[in-house]
């Protein structure tokens, strides 16, 4: 990962799904982070379910926090549901935190 991508991941790890005490990165909700030559950031992410109560606010929070990272020109979140999220996408750390290990 390049230094800007590391900063973005660090910020993503400060954003939590309000129903689950684990950050969205460790939950596996972030599928891809792309940075173009102008430091515009595109993030493909999903939600734990299409009916997630934060379906409107969480992507905006991600965009705002990533856009505020020094060096980022612009941030855009694309919500995708393919593949659908499941608990196997969580990191080992998240599984341990939630008692799945």
N, C-alpha and C. Protein backbone atom coordinates (compact mmCIF):
# COMPACT_ATOMS: atom_id res chain seq x y z
N UNK A 1 0.84 -1.19 0.00
CA UNK A 1 0.00 0.00 0.00
C UNK A 1 0.88 1.25 0.00
N UNK A 2 0.41 2.26 -0.70
CA UNK A 2 1.16 3.52 -0.68
C UNK A 2 0.79 4.31 0.57
N UNK A 3 1.58 5.34 0.90
CA UNK A 3 1.33 6.09 2.15
C UNK A 3 -0.08 6.69 2.22
N UNK A 4 -0.62 7.19 1.10
CA UNK A 4 -1.97 7.76 1.13
C UNK A 4 -3.01 6.67 1.40
N UNK A 5 -2.82 5.53 0.80
CA UNK A 5 -3.75 4.42 1.05
C UNK A 5 -3.70 3.99 2.52
N UNK A 6 -2.52 3.99 3.10
CA UNK A 6 -2.39 3.66 4.53
C UNK A 6 -3.17 4.65 5.39
N UNK A 7 -3.07 5.95 5.05
CA UNK A 7 -3.81 6.97 5.81
C UNK A 7 -5.32 6.75 5.67
N UNK A 8 -5.76 6.40 4.47
CA UNK A 8 -7.19 6.17 4.23
C UNK A 8 -7.67 4.97 5.05
N UNK A 9 -6.91 3.90 5.03
CA UNK A 9 -7.28 2.72 5.82
C UNK A 9 -7.33 3.06 7.30
N UNK A 10 -6.37 3.85 7.77
CA UNK A 10 -6.39 4.27 9.18
C UNK A 10 -7.68 5.01 9.52
N UNK A 11 -8.14 5.87 8.61
CA UNK A 11 -9.39 6.61 8.84
C UNK A 11 -10.58 5.65 8.79
N UNK A 12 -10.58 4.73 7.85
CA UNK A 12 -11.68 3.77 7.75
C UNK A 12 -11.82 2.95 9.03
N UNK A 13 -10.69 2.73 9.69
CA UNK A 13 -10.71 1.95 10.94
C UNK A 13 -11.24 2.76 12.13
N UNK A 14 -11.59 4.03 11.90
CA UNK A 14 -12.20 4.84 12.96
C UNK A 14 -13.72 4.93 12.80
N UNK A 15 -14.25 4.32 11.74
CA UNK A 15 -15.68 4.40 11.44
C UNK A 15 -16.32 3.07 11.81
N UNK A 16 -17.36 3.14 12.63
CA UNK A 16 -17.99 1.93 13.14
C UNK A 16 -19.42 1.80 12.67
N UNK A 17 -19.82 0.57 12.40
CA UNK A 17 -21.23 0.26 12.21
C UNK A 17 -21.84 0.41 13.59
N UNK A 18 -22.88 1.23 13.75
CA UNK A 18 -23.41 1.50 15.09
C UNK A 18 -24.02 0.29 15.80
N UNK A 19 -24.33 -0.75 15.05
CA UNK A 19 -24.93 -1.93 15.67
C UNK A 19 -23.89 -2.98 16.05
N UNK A 20 -22.66 -2.82 15.55
CA UNK A 20 -21.62 -3.83 15.78
C UNK A 20 -20.37 -3.10 16.26
N UNK A 21 -19.78 -3.50 17.39
CA UNK A 21 -18.64 -2.77 17.95
C UNK A 21 -17.30 -3.05 17.26
N UNK A 22 -17.32 -3.06 15.92
CA UNK A 22 -16.10 -3.30 15.13
C UNK A 22 -16.12 -2.30 13.97
N UNK A 23 -14.94 -1.80 13.60
CA UNK A 23 -14.89 -0.81 12.52
C UNK A 23 -15.23 -1.44 11.16
N UNK A 24 -15.63 -0.58 10.22
CA UNK A 24 -16.12 -1.07 8.92
C UNK A 24 -15.03 -1.77 8.12
N UNK A 25 -13.77 -1.41 8.32
CA UNK A 25 -12.68 -2.05 7.58
C UNK A 25 -12.50 -3.49 8.07
N UNK A 26 -12.42 -3.66 9.38
CA UNK A 26 -12.24 -5.01 9.94
C UNK A 26 -13.48 -5.88 9.74
N UNK A 27 -14.66 -5.25 9.64
CA UNK A 27 -15.89 -6.00 9.36
C UNK A 27 -15.91 -6.55 7.94
N UNK A 28 -15.05 -6.02 7.08
CA UNK A 28 -15.03 -6.47 5.69
C UNK A 28 -16.04 -5.76 4.82
N UNK A 29 -16.52 -4.61 5.29
CA UNK A 29 -17.50 -3.85 4.50
C UNK A 29 -16.86 -3.08 3.36
N UNK A 30 -15.56 -2.82 3.47
CA UNK A 30 -14.84 -2.10 2.41
C UNK A 30 -14.25 -3.13 1.46
N UNK A 31 -14.74 -3.12 0.23
CA UNK A 31 -14.29 -4.09 -0.77
C UNK A 31 -13.06 -3.60 -1.53
N UNK A 32 -13.02 -2.31 -1.83
CA UNK A 32 -11.90 -1.81 -2.63
C UNK A 32 -11.71 -0.31 -2.40
N UNK A 33 -10.45 0.11 -2.38
CA UNK A 33 -10.08 1.53 -2.32
C UNK A 33 -9.20 1.80 -3.54
N UNK A 34 -9.65 2.71 -4.40
CA UNK A 34 -8.88 3.06 -5.59
C UNK A 34 -8.51 4.54 -5.51
N UNK A 35 -7.26 4.83 -5.86
CA UNK A 35 -6.76 6.21 -5.85
C UNK A 35 -6.22 6.49 -7.25
N UNK A 36 -6.77 7.53 -7.90
CA UNK A 36 -6.27 7.86 -9.24
C UNK A 36 -5.07 8.81 -9.15
N UNK A 37 -4.56 9.21 -10.29
CA UNK A 37 -3.36 10.06 -10.33
C UNK A 37 -3.58 11.44 -9.75
N UNK A 38 -4.84 11.87 -9.63
CA UNK A 38 -5.16 13.17 -9.04
C UNK A 38 -5.54 13.06 -7.57
N UNK A 39 -5.31 11.88 -6.98
CA UNK A 39 -5.65 11.59 -5.58
C UNK A 39 -7.15 11.67 -5.30
N UNK A 40 -7.95 11.35 -6.33
CA UNK A 40 -9.38 11.15 -6.12
C UNK A 40 -9.56 9.71 -5.68
N UNK A 41 -10.36 9.52 -4.66
CA UNK A 41 -10.52 8.20 -4.06
C UNK A 41 -11.92 7.65 -4.34
N UNK A 42 -11.96 6.43 -4.82
CA UNK A 42 -13.22 5.71 -5.03
C UNK A 42 -13.20 4.52 -4.08
N UNK A 43 -14.26 4.38 -3.30
CA UNK A 43 -14.35 3.28 -2.35
C UNK A 43 -15.59 2.47 -2.67
N UNK A 44 -15.40 1.18 -2.93
CA UNK A 44 -16.52 0.26 -3.07
C UNK A 44 -16.72 -0.38 -1.71
N UNK A 45 -17.91 -0.24 -1.19
CA UNK A 45 -18.20 -0.85 0.10
C UNK A 45 -19.64 -1.36 0.10
N UNK A 46 -19.94 -2.15 1.10
CA UNK A 46 -21.28 -2.69 1.25
C UNK A 46 -21.78 -2.39 2.64
N UNK A 47 -22.95 -2.84 2.93
CA UNK A 47 -23.55 -2.72 4.26
C UNK A 47 -23.85 -4.12 4.75
N UNK A 48 -24.04 -4.26 6.05
CA UNK A 48 -24.32 -5.60 6.58
C UNK A 48 -25.64 -6.15 6.03
N UNK A 49 -26.56 -5.24 5.64
CA UNK A 49 -27.79 -5.65 4.97
C UNK A 49 -28.33 -4.46 4.19
N UNK A 50 -29.10 -4.70 3.13
CA UNK A 50 -29.67 -3.59 2.36
C UNK A 50 -30.60 -2.71 3.21
N UNK A 51 -31.14 -3.26 4.29
CA UNK A 51 -32.04 -2.52 5.17
C UNK A 51 -31.32 -1.90 6.36
N UNK A 52 -30.01 -1.81 6.28
CA UNK A 52 -29.20 -1.26 7.36
C UNK A 52 -29.71 0.13 7.75
N UNK A 53 -29.91 0.38 9.05
CA UNK A 53 -30.45 1.68 9.47
C UNK A 53 -29.55 2.88 9.14
N UNK A 54 -28.28 2.63 8.86
CA UNK A 54 -27.37 3.73 8.52
C UNK A 54 -27.03 3.75 7.03
N UNK A 55 -27.91 3.18 6.21
CA UNK A 55 -27.66 3.08 4.77
C UNK A 55 -27.43 4.45 4.12
N UNK A 56 -28.03 5.49 4.67
CA UNK A 56 -27.83 6.82 4.10
C UNK A 56 -26.68 7.56 4.77
N UNK A 57 -26.56 7.43 6.08
CA UNK A 57 -25.56 8.23 6.80
C UNK A 57 -24.15 7.64 6.75
N UNK A 58 -24.01 6.33 6.76
CA UNK A 58 -22.68 5.72 6.81
C UNK A 58 -21.84 6.04 5.56
N UNK A 59 -22.36 5.88 4.34
CA UNK A 59 -21.54 6.24 3.17
C UNK A 59 -21.12 7.71 3.18
N UNK A 60 -21.98 8.59 3.63
CA UNK A 60 -21.65 10.02 3.71
C UNK A 60 -20.53 10.24 4.73
N UNK A 61 -20.61 9.55 5.86
CA UNK A 61 -19.56 9.66 6.88
C UNK A 61 -18.22 9.19 6.31
N UNK A 62 -18.24 8.08 5.57
CA UNK A 62 -17.01 7.56 4.96
C UNK A 62 -16.45 8.58 3.97
N UNK A 63 -17.31 9.10 3.10
CA UNK A 63 -16.85 10.10 2.12
C UNK A 63 -16.24 11.32 2.81
N UNK A 64 -16.93 11.84 3.82
CA UNK A 64 -16.45 13.04 4.51
C UNK A 64 -15.12 12.80 5.20
N UNK A 65 -14.99 11.69 5.90
CA UNK A 65 -13.75 11.42 6.64
C UNK A 65 -12.58 11.13 5.71
N UNK A 66 -12.83 10.42 4.62
CA UNK A 66 -11.76 10.13 3.67
C UNK A 66 -11.37 11.40 2.92
N UNK A 67 -12.34 12.22 2.56
CA UNK A 67 -12.05 13.48 1.87
C UNK A 67 -11.21 14.41 2.73
N UNK A 68 -11.32 14.28 4.05
CA UNK A 68 -10.57 15.14 4.97
C UNK A 68 -9.13 14.68 5.17
N UNK A 69 -8.78 13.50 4.66
CA UNK A 69 -7.40 13.00 4.79
C UNK A 69 -6.47 13.89 3.97
N UNK A 70 -5.38 14.29 4.59
CA UNK A 70 -4.40 15.14 3.90
C UNK A 70 -3.90 14.43 2.64
N UNK A 71 -3.98 15.12 1.52
CA UNK A 71 -3.54 14.55 0.25
C UNK A 71 -4.68 14.05 -0.62
N UNK A 72 -5.85 13.82 -0.05
CA UNK A 72 -6.99 13.35 -0.83
C UNK A 72 -7.66 14.56 -1.47
N UNK A 73 -7.89 14.47 -2.78
CA UNK A 73 -8.55 15.54 -3.50
C UNK A 73 -10.07 15.44 -3.34
N UNK A 74 -10.60 14.24 -3.57
CA UNK A 74 -12.05 14.02 -3.50
C UNK A 74 -12.28 12.56 -3.15
N UNK A 75 -13.41 12.28 -2.46
CA UNK A 75 -13.73 10.91 -2.10
C UNK A 75 -15.16 10.60 -2.52
N UNK A 76 -15.35 9.41 -3.06
CA UNK A 76 -16.67 8.97 -3.49
C UNK A 76 -16.87 7.53 -3.05
N UNK A 77 -18.01 7.25 -2.43
CA UNK A 77 -18.34 5.89 -2.00
C UNK A 77 -19.39 5.31 -2.94
N UNK A 78 -19.12 4.10 -3.39
CA UNK A 78 -20.08 3.35 -4.19
C UNK A 78 -20.57 2.20 -3.33
N UNK A 79 -21.87 2.17 -3.05
CA UNK A 79 -22.45 1.07 -2.28
C UNK A 79 -22.78 -0.06 -3.24
N UNK A 80 -22.27 -1.24 -2.93
CA UNK A 80 -22.51 -2.42 -3.76
C UNK A 80 -23.02 -3.56 -2.87
N UNK A 81 -23.82 -4.41 -3.44
CA UNK A 81 -24.32 -5.56 -2.69
C UNK A 81 -23.94 -6.88 -3.36
N UNK A 82 -22.97 -6.81 -4.27
CA UNK A 82 -22.49 -8.01 -4.93
C UNK A 82 -20.97 -8.01 -4.84
N UNK A 83 -20.38 -8.91 -4.13
CA UNK A 83 -21.02 -10.01 -3.42
C UNK A 83 -21.69 -9.53 -2.13
N UNK A 84 -22.72 -10.22 -1.71
CA UNK A 84 -23.36 -9.84 -0.44
C UNK A 84 -22.40 -10.08 0.73
N UNK A 85 -22.48 -9.20 1.71
CA UNK A 85 -21.61 -9.33 2.88
C UNK A 85 -22.06 -10.52 3.73
N UNK A 86 -21.09 -11.23 4.28
CA UNK A 86 -21.38 -12.21 5.33
C UNK A 86 -20.21 -12.24 6.31
N UNK A 87 -20.40 -12.90 7.42
CA UNK A 87 -19.41 -12.84 8.50
C UNK A 87 -18.06 -13.40 8.11
N UNK A 88 -17.98 -14.20 7.06
CA UNK A 88 -16.69 -14.73 6.61
C UNK A 88 -15.78 -13.64 6.04
N UNK A 89 -16.35 -12.47 5.74
CA UNK A 89 -15.55 -11.37 5.20
C UNK A 89 -14.84 -10.57 6.29
N UNK A 90 -15.17 -10.84 7.54
CA UNK A 90 -14.54 -10.12 8.64
C UNK A 90 -13.09 -10.58 8.83
N UNK A 91 -12.27 -9.68 9.33
CA UNK A 91 -10.89 -10.04 9.65
C UNK A 91 -10.89 -10.97 10.86
N UNK A 92 -9.77 -11.62 11.08
CA UNK A 92 -9.63 -12.49 12.25
C UNK A 92 -9.85 -11.68 13.54
N UNK A 93 -9.34 -10.44 13.53
CA UNK A 93 -9.47 -9.55 14.69
C UNK A 93 -10.96 -9.28 14.99
N UNK A 94 -11.73 -9.01 13.94
CA UNK A 94 -13.17 -8.74 14.12
C UNK A 94 -13.90 -9.98 14.62
N UNK A 95 -13.57 -11.13 14.06
CA UNK A 95 -14.20 -12.39 14.47
C UNK A 95 -13.90 -12.66 15.95
N UNK A 96 -12.67 -12.40 16.35
CA UNK A 96 -12.27 -12.61 17.74
C UNK A 96 -13.06 -11.65 18.66
N UNK A 97 -13.13 -10.39 18.25
CA UNK A 97 -13.84 -9.36 19.02
C UNK A 97 -15.31 -9.73 19.23
N UNK A 98 -15.91 -10.31 18.20
CA UNK A 98 -17.34 -10.64 18.25
C UNK A 98 -17.62 -12.06 18.73
N UNK A 99 -16.57 -12.78 19.08
CA UNK A 99 -16.74 -14.12 19.64
C UNK A 99 -17.00 -15.21 18.62
N UNK A 100 -16.61 -14.97 17.36
CA UNK A 100 -16.78 -15.99 16.32
C UNK A 100 -15.61 -16.96 16.26
N UNK A 101 -14.55 -16.69 17.03
CA UNK A 101 -13.38 -17.59 17.06
C UNK A 101 -13.22 -18.19 18.43
